[in-house]
PDB file of all heavy atoms in Angstrom:
ATOM      1  N   ALA A   1       0.832  -1.198   0.000  1.00  0.00           N
ATOM      2  CA  ALA A   1       0.000   0.000   0.000  1.00  0.00           C
ATOM      3  C   ALA A   1       0.869   1.251   0.000  1.00  0.00           C
ATOM      4  O   ALA A   1       1.937   1.288   0.617  1.00  0.00           O
ATOM      5  CB  ALA A   1      -0.918  -0.008   1.216  1.00  0.00           C
ATOM      6  N   GLY A   2       0.413   2.275  -0.700  1.00  0.00           N
ATOM      7  CA  GLY A   2       1.146   3.526  -0.782  1.00  0.00           C
ATOM      8  C   GLY A   2       1.883   3.707  -2.083  1.00  0.00           C
ATOM      9  O   GLY A   2       2.403   4.797  -2.361  1.00  0.00           O
ATOM     10  N   GLY A   3       1.922   2.645  -2.903  1.00  0.00           N
ATOM     11  CA  GLY A   3       2.570   2.736  -4.202  1.00  0.00           C
ATOM     12  C   GLY A   3       1.546   2.847  -5.316  1.00  0.00           C
ATOM     13  O   GLY A   3       0.408   3.277  -5.110  1.00  0.00           O
ATOM     14  N   SER A   4       1.930   2.420  -6.510  1.00  0.00           N
ATOM     15  CA  SER A   4       1.054   2.536  -7.676  1.00  0.00           C
ATOM     16  C   SER A   4       0.038   1.411  -7.759  1.00  0.00           C
ATOM     17  O   SER A   4      -0.867   1.452  -8.591  1.00  0.00           O
ATOM     18  CB  SER A   4       1.900   2.542  -8.959  1.00  0.00           C
ATOM     19  OG  SER A   4       2.459   1.252  -9.183  1.00  0.00           O
ATOM     20  N   GLY A   5       0.189   0.387  -6.908  1.00  0.00           N
ATOM     21  CA  GLY A   5      -0.671  -0.778  -6.969  1.00  0.00           C
ATOM     22  C   GLY A   5      -0.020  -1.967  -7.633  1.00  0.00           C
ATOM     23  O   GLY A   5      -0.483  -3.100  -7.495  1.00  0.00           O
ATOM     24  N   MET A   6       1.062  -1.727  -8.378  1.00  0.00           N
ATOM     25  CA  MET A   6       1.861  -2.793  -8.968  1.00  0.00           C
ATOM     26  C   MET A   6       3.203  -2.818  -8.240  1.00  0.00           C
ATOM     27  O   MET A   6       3.385  -2.177  -7.212  1.00  0.00           O
ATOM     28  CB  MET A   6       2.038  -2.552 -10.466  1.00  0.00           C
ATOM     29  CG  MET A   6       0.746  -2.604 -11.258  1.00  0.00           C
ATOM     30  SD  MET A   6       0.047  -4.274 -11.369  1.00  0.00           S
ATOM     31  CE  MET A   6       1.134  -4.982 -12.614  1.00  0.00           C
ATOM     32  N   GLN A   7       4.168  -3.570  -8.782  1.00  0.00           N
ATOM     33  CA  GLN A   7       5.494  -3.608  -8.174  1.00  0.00           C
ATOM     34  C   GLN A   7       6.185  -2.262  -8.384  1.00  0.00           C
ATOM     35  O   GLN A   7       6.387  -1.832  -9.517  1.00  0.00           O
ATOM     36  CB  GLN A   7       6.342  -4.724  -8.795  1.00  0.00           C
ATOM     37  CG  GLN A   7       5.836  -6.124  -8.507  1.00  0.00           C
ATOM     38  CD  GLN A   7       6.127  -6.585  -7.096  1.00  0.00           C
ATOM     39  OE1 GLN A   7       6.965  -6.015  -6.408  1.00  0.00           O
ATOM     40  NE2 GLN A   7       5.447  -7.626  -6.661  1.00  0.00           N
ATOM     41  N   ASP A   8       6.520  -1.605  -7.290  1.00  0.00           N
ATOM     42  CA  ASP A   8       7.247  -0.345  -7.338  1.00  0.00           C
ATOM     43  C   ASP A   8       8.592  -0.513  -6.639  1.00  0.00           C
ATOM     44  O   ASP A   8       8.814  -1.486  -5.910  1.00  0.00           O
ATOM     45  CB  ASP A   8       6.469   0.768  -6.631  1.00  0.00           C
ATOM     46  CG  ASP A   8       5.207   1.167  -7.372  1.00  0.00           C
ATOM     47  OD1 ASP A   8       5.231   1.203  -8.614  1.00  0.00           O
ATOM     48  OD2 ASP A   8       4.197   1.441  -6.700  1.00  0.00           O
ATOM     49  N   ILE A   9       9.469   0.455  -6.837  1.00  0.00           N
ATOM     50  CA  ILE A   9      10.762   0.447  -6.160  1.00  0.00           C
ATOM     51  C   ILE A   9      10.642   1.263  -4.873  1.00  0.00           C
ATOM     52  O   ILE A   9      10.217   2.418  -4.893  1.00  0.00           O
ATOM     53  CB  ILE A   9      11.864   1.020  -7.064  1.00  0.00           C
ATOM     54  CG1 ILE A   9      11.983   0.175  -8.332  1.00  0.00           C
ATOM     55  CG2 ILE A   9      13.194   1.073  -6.312  1.00  0.00           C
ATOM     56  CD1 ILE A   9      12.951   0.730  -9.362  1.00  0.00           C
ATOM     57  N   TRP A  10      11.018   0.640  -3.767  1.00  0.00           N
ATOM     58  CA  TRP A  10      11.003   1.267  -2.449  1.00  0.00           C
ATOM     59  C   TRP A  10      12.431   1.403  -1.948  1.00  0.00           C
ATOM     60  O   TRP A  10      13.337   0.689  -2.418  1.00  0.00           O
ATOM     61  CB  TRP A  10      10.161   0.439  -1.476  1.00  0.00           C
ATOM     62  CG  TRP A  10       8.704   0.424  -1.839  1.00  0.00           C
ATOM     63  CD1 TRP A  10       8.113  -0.248  -2.872  1.00  0.00           C
ATOM     64  CD2 TRP A  10       7.650   1.134  -1.181  1.00  0.00           C
ATOM     65  NE1 TRP A  10       6.766  -0.002  -2.915  1.00  0.00           N
ATOM     66  CE2 TRP A  10       6.449   0.849  -1.873  1.00  0.00           C
ATOM     67  CE3 TRP A  10       7.600   1.972  -0.082  1.00  0.00           C
ATOM     68  CZ2 TRP A  10       5.210   1.370  -1.493  1.00  0.00           C
ATOM     69  CZ3 TRP A  10       6.373   2.501   0.306  1.00  0.00           C
ATOM     70  CH2 TRP A  10       5.197   2.198  -0.399  1.00  0.00           C
ATOM     71  N   THR A  11      12.641   2.301  -1.013  1.00  0.00           N
ATOM     72  CA  THR A  11      13.986   2.503  -0.480  1.00  0.00           C
ATOM     73  C   THR A  11      13.932   2.787   1.009  1.00  0.00           C
ATOM     74  O   THR A  11      12.893   3.187   1.550  1.00  0.00           O
ATOM     75  CB  THR A  11      14.693   3.660  -1.219  1.00  0.00           C
ATOM     76  OG1 THR A  11      16.059   3.742  -0.807  1.00  0.00           O
ATOM     77  CG2 THR A  11      14.011   4.997  -0.949  1.00  0.00           C
ATOM     78  N   ALA A  12      15.029   2.550   1.671  1.00  0.00           N
ATOM     79  CA  ALA A  12      15.204   2.862   3.090  1.00  0.00           C
ATOM     80  C   ALA A  12      16.689   3.122   3.304  1.00  0.00           C
ATOM     81  O   ALA A  12      17.529   2.790   2.454  1.00  0.00           O
ATOM     82  CB  ALA A  12      14.712   1.715   3.980  1.00  0.00           C
ATOM     83  N   SER A  13      17.038   3.700   4.438  1.00  0.00           N
ATOM     84  CA  SER A  13      18.437   4.027   4.712  1.00  0.00           C
ATOM     85  C   SER A  13      18.769   3.751   6.167  1.00  0.00           C
ATOM     86  O   SER A  13      17.889   3.464   6.994  1.00  0.00           O
ATOM     87  CB  SER A  13      18.711   5.496   4.377  1.00  0.00           C
ATOM     88  OG  SER A  13      17.876   6.349   5.149  1.00  0.00           O
ATOM     89  N   ARG A  14      20.047   3.855   6.482  1.00  0.00           N
ATOM     90  CA  ARG A  14      20.519   3.691   7.862  1.00  0.00           C
ATOM     91  C   ARG A  14      21.786   4.506   8.031  1.00  0.00           C
ATOM     92  O   ARG A  14      22.439   4.871   7.050  1.00  0.00           O
ATOM     93  CB  ARG A  14      20.767   2.214   8.179  1.00  0.00           C
ATOM     94  CG  ARG A  14      21.753   1.514   7.230  1.00  0.00           C
ATOM     95  CD  ARG A  14      21.808   0.022   7.483  1.00  0.00           C
ATOM     96  NE  ARG A  14      22.708  -0.665   6.548  1.00  0.00           N
ATOM     97  CZ  ARG A  14      22.880  -1.987   6.526  1.00  0.00           C
ATOM     98  NH1 ARG A  14      22.218  -2.762   7.378  1.00  0.00           N
ATOM     99  NH2 ARG A  14      23.707  -2.530   5.642  1.00  0.00           N
ATOM    100  N   THR A  15      22.141   4.791   9.287  1.00  0.00           N
ATOM    101  CA  THR A  15      23.311   5.637   9.542  1.00  0.00           C
ATOM    102  C   THR A  15      24.602   4.838   9.629  1.00  0.00           C
ATOM    103  O   THR A  15      25.687   5.396   9.486  1.00  0.00           O
ATOM    104  CB  THR A  15      23.122   6.441  10.829  1.00  0.00           C
ATOM    105  OG1 THR A  15      22.846   5.546  11.913  1.00  0.00           O
ATOM    106  CG2 THR A  15      21.963   7.416  10.678  1.00  0.00           C
ATOM    107  N   SER A  16      24.510   3.534   9.893  1.00  0.00           N
ATOM    108  CA  SER A  16      25.690   2.672   9.870  1.00  0.00           C
ATOM    109  C   SER A  16      25.254   1.282   9.441  1.00  0.00           C
ATOM    110  O   SER A  16      24.064   0.935   9.518  1.00  0.00           O
ATOM    111  CB  SER A  16      26.375   2.609  11.243  1.00  0.00           C
ATOM    112  OG  SER A  16      25.883   1.555  12.025  1.00  0.00           O
ATOM    113  N   THR A  17      26.198   0.495   8.990  1.00  0.00           N
ATOM    114  CA  THR A  17      25.861  -0.838   8.516  1.00  0.00           C
ATOM    115  C   THR A  17      25.503  -1.785   9.662  1.00  0.00           C
ATOM    116  O   THR A  17      25.109  -2.927   9.416  1.00  0.00           O
ATOM    117  CB  THR A  17      27.022  -1.437   7.706  1.00  0.00           C
ATOM    118  OG1 THR A  17      28.218  -1.404   8.497  1.00  0.00           O
ATOM    119  CG2 THR A  17      27.246  -0.650   6.427  1.00  0.00           C
ATOM    120  N   GLN A  18      25.650  -1.338  10.893  1.00  0.00           N
ATOM    121  CA  GLN A  18      25.239  -2.144  12.033  1.00  0.00           C
ATOM    122  C   GLN A  18      23.767  -1.903  12.393  1.00  0.00           C
ATOM    123  O   GLN A  18      23.217  -2.623  13.235  1.00  0.00           O
ATOM    124  CB  GLN A  18      26.109  -1.825  13.259  1.00  0.00           C
ATOM    125  CG  GLN A  18      27.604  -1.700  12.979  1.00  0.00           C
ATOM    126  CD  GLN A  18      28.183  -2.889  12.251  1.00  0.00           C
ATOM    127  OE1 GLN A  18      27.898  -4.033  12.603  1.00  0.00           O
ATOM    128  NE2 GLN A  18      28.983  -2.639  11.232  1.00  0.00           N
ATOM    129  N   ASP A  19      23.147  -0.879  11.808  1.00  0.00           N
ATOM    130  CA  ASP A  19      21.788  -0.494  12.161  1.00  0.00           C
ATOM    131  C   ASP A  19      20.767  -1.144  11.244  1.00  0.00           C
ATOM    132  O   ASP A  19      21.082  -1.598  10.143  1.00  0.00           O
ATOM    133  CB  ASP A  19      21.631   1.026  12.057  1.00  0.00           C
ATOM    134  CG  ASP A  19      22.506   1.778  13.033  1.00  0.00           C
ATOM    135  OD1 ASP A  19      22.792   1.236  14.117  1.00  0.00           O
ATOM    136  OD2 ASP A  19      22.937   2.904  12.692  1.00  0.00           O
ATOM    137  N   ALA A  20      19.507  -1.127  11.710  1.00  0.00           N
ATOM    138  CA  ALA A  20      18.391  -1.522  10.858  1.00  0.00           C
ATOM    139  C   ALA A  20      18.075  -0.372   9.900  1.00  0.00           C
ATOM    140  O   ALA A  20      18.373   0.793  10.169  1.00  0.00           O
ATOM    141  CB  ALA A  20      17.175  -1.852  11.703  1.00  0.00           C
ATOM    142  N   PHE A  21      17.464  -0.716   8.760  1.00  0.00           N
ATOM    143  CA  PHE A  21      17.020   0.302   7.814  1.00  0.00           C
ATOM    144  C   PHE A  21      15.743   0.962   8.319  1.00  0.00           C
ATOM    145  O   PHE A  21      14.916   0.328   8.976  1.00  0.00           O
ATOM    146  CB  PHE A  21      16.770  -0.318   6.434  1.00  0.00           C
ATOM    147  CG  PHE A  21      18.019  -0.777   5.735  1.00  0.00           C
ATOM    148  CD1 PHE A  21      18.385  -2.113   5.736  1.00  0.00           C
ATOM    149  CD2 PHE A  21      18.813   0.134   5.069  1.00  0.00           C
ATOM    150  CE1 PHE A  21      19.535  -2.541   5.090  1.00  0.00           C
ATOM    151  CE2 PHE A  21      19.974  -0.280   4.415  1.00  0.00           C
ATOM    152  CZ  PHE A  21      20.330  -1.615   4.428  1.00  0.00           C
ATOM    153  N   SER A  22      15.566   2.238   7.992  1.00  0.00           N
ATOM    154  CA  SER A  22      14.361   2.965   8.397  1.00  0.00           C
ATOM    155  C   SER A  22      14.032   4.000   7.335  1.00  0.00           C
ATOM    156  O   SER A  22      14.758   4.155   6.345  1.00  0.00           O
ATOM    157  CB  SER A  22      14.567   3.630   9.762  1.00  0.00           C
ATOM    158  OG  SER A  22      15.610   4.598   9.690  1.00  0.00           O
ATOM    159  N   GLY A  23      12.940   4.734   7.557  1.00  0.00           N
ATOM    160  CA  GLY A  23      12.535   5.764   6.595  1.00  0.00           C
ATOM    161  C   GLY A  23      12.045   5.183   5.289  1.00  0.00           C
ATOM    162  O   GLY A  23      12.325   5.713   4.210  1.00  0.00           O
ATOM    163  N   VAL A  24      11.281   4.098   5.358  1.00  0.00           N
ATOM    164  CA  VAL A  24      10.809   3.418   4.150  1.00  0.00           C
ATOM    165  C   VAL A  24       9.896   4.333   3.336  1.00  0.00           C
ATOM    166  O   VAL A  24       8.944   4.918   3.860  1.00  0.00           O
ATOM    167  CB  VAL A  24      10.057   2.124   4.536  1.00  0.00           C
ATOM    168  CG1 VAL A  24       9.377   1.513   3.320  1.00  0.00           C
ATOM    169  CG2 VAL A  24      11.009   1.132   5.189  1.00  0.00           C
TER     170      VAL A  24
END
């Protein structure tokens, strides 16, 4: 939900490679 209804490209980031991704 929140995209076009088909397969879309999503992204997230993190401040270090030890962290979980956020800001989807």
